[in-house]
């Protein structure tokens, strides 16, 4: 069985209003990915929110290399989470977390 290649995406989340926690953000990205690309693509993406800092809005997402474009697209198209208006800004992609933090 072939090992899947992972990609890491660093991002900034700009929010109007209250601070959002990592569960809300993870669910919003997952739901948007699911509605845009369907269950099969969402499941194949193996999307995971590695870390998120509520104060700065910086975070890291993990997904498969083949679904990176879909994850970025679905994340950027999120306009609101709950009642808060948000803007998702992808910063950098890498094959390792260490590469993102350089």
Protein backbone atom coordinates (compact mmCIF):
# COMPACT_ATOMS: atom_id res chain seq x y z
CA UNK A 1 0.00 0.00 0.00
CA UNK A 2 1.41 3.34 -1.05
CA UNK A 3 1.87 6.03 1.59
CA UNK A 4 -0.06 9.24 0.90
CA UNK A 5 1.94 12.42 0.51
CA UNK A 6 0.88 15.16 2.90
CA UNK A 7 1.01 18.90 2.44
CA UNK A 8 0.83 21.58 5.10
CA UNK A 9 -0.78 24.96 4.53
CA UNK A 10 -0.16 27.96 6.77
CA UNK A 11 -2.90 30.57 6.85
CA UNK A 12 -4.17 33.70 8.53
CA UNK A 13 -7.82 34.06 9.48
CA UNK A 14 -9.05 37.64 9.71
CA UNK A 15 -12.23 37.98 11.75
CA UNK A 16 -14.70 40.74 12.59
CA UNK A 17 -15.87 40.31 16.15
CA UNK A 18 -15.19 37.58 18.68
CA UNK A 19 -12.30 35.14 18.63
CA UNK A 20 -13.01 31.82 16.94
CA UNK A 21 -11.80 28.52 18.32
CA UNK A 22 -10.18 25.74 16.34
CA UNK A 23 -13.26 23.49 16.32
CA UNK A 24 -15.40 26.16 14.64
CA UNK A 25 -12.76 26.79 11.99
CA UNK A 26 -12.15 23.10 11.29
CA UNK A 27 -15.87 22.43 10.91
CA UNK A 28 -16.39 25.45 8.65
CA UNK A 29 -13.59 24.39 6.29
CA UNK A 30 -14.80 20.78 6.30
CA UNK A 31 -18.42 21.74 5.57
CA UNK A 32 -17.39 24.05 2.73
CA UNK A 33 -15.12 21.36 1.23
CA UNK A 34 -17.97 18.86 1.51
CA UNK A 35 -20.52 21.13 -0.16
CA UNK A 36 -18.20 22.14 -3.01
CA UNK A 37 -16.59 18.79 -3.89
CA UNK A 38 -18.74 16.08 -2.32
CA UNK A 39 -18.14 13.31 0.18
CA UNK A 40 -15.55 11.35 -1.77
CA UNK A 41 -13.22 14.30 -2.36
CA UNK A 42 -13.68 15.56 1.20
CA UNK A 43 -12.82 12.15 2.64
CA UNK A 44 -9.84 11.70 0.29
CA UNK A 45 -8.42 15.07 1.37
CA UNK A 46 -7.74 13.76 4.92
CA UNK A 47 -8.11 17.33 6.16
CA UNK A 48 -6.78 18.07 9.64
CA UNK A 49 -6.30 21.33 11.52
CA UNK A 50 -2.85 20.90 13.07
CA UNK A 51 -2.75 24.10 15.10
CA UNK A 52 -4.50 27.44 15.43
CA UNK A 53 -3.65 30.52 17.50
CA UNK A 54 -6.84 32.37 18.48
CA UNK A 55 -5.03 35.63 19.24
CA UNK A 56 -3.13 36.07 15.97
CA UNK A 57 -5.47 34.05 13.74
CA UNK A 58 -2.56 32.00 12.37
CA UNK A 59 -2.94 28.29 11.79
CA UNK A 60 -1.72 25.21 9.94
CA UNK A 61 -3.85 22.76 7.93
CA UNK A 62 -2.76 19.29 6.82
CA UNK A 63 -4.17 17.54 3.74
CA UNK A 64 -3.10 15.19 0.95
CA UNK A 65 -0.96 16.59 -1.86
CA UNK A 66 -3.58 15.75 -4.49
CA UNK A 67 -6.30 17.72 -2.70
CA UNK A 68 -4.29 20.82 -1.75
CA UNK A 69 -5.88 23.02 -4.43
CA UNK A 70 -9.38 21.95 -3.40
CA UNK A 71 -8.67 22.69 0.27
CA UNK A 72 -7.29 26.15 -0.54
CA UNK A 73 -10.25 26.95 -2.80
CA UNK A 74 -12.88 25.82 -0.31
CA UNK A 75 -11.15 27.68 2.54
CA UNK A 76 -10.86 30.97 0.66
CA UNK A 77 -14.56 30.87 -0.24
CA UNK A 78 -15.65 30.90 3.42
CA UNK A 79 -17.29 34.27 4.08
CA UNK A 80 -18.61 33.79 7.59
CA UNK A 81 -18.37 31.43 10.52
CA UNK A 82 -21.42 31.67 12.71
CA UNK A 83 -22.29 35.37 12.84
CA UNK A 84 -18.71 36.57 12.33
CA UNK A 85 -17.44 37.73 8.94
CA UNK A 86 -14.10 36.08 8.16
CA UNK A 87 -11.42 36.22 5.51
CA UNK A 88 -9.08 33.27 4.94
CA UNK A 89 -5.59 34.17 3.69
CA UNK A 90 -3.33 31.26 2.65
CA UNK A 91 0.33 32.11 3.30
CA UNK A 92 2.59 29.20 2.41
CA UNK A 93 2.51 25.49 1.56
CA UNK A 94 5.15 22.90 2.37
CA UNK A 95 5.74 19.18 2.69
CA UNK A 96 6.79 19.53 6.34
CA UNK A 97 5.73 21.66 9.30
CA UNK A 98 9.36 22.63 9.81
CA UNK A 99 9.42 24.11 6.30
CA UNK A 100 6.44 26.32 7.13
CA UNK A 101 8.01 27.74 10.26
CA UNK A 102 11.22 28.87 8.53
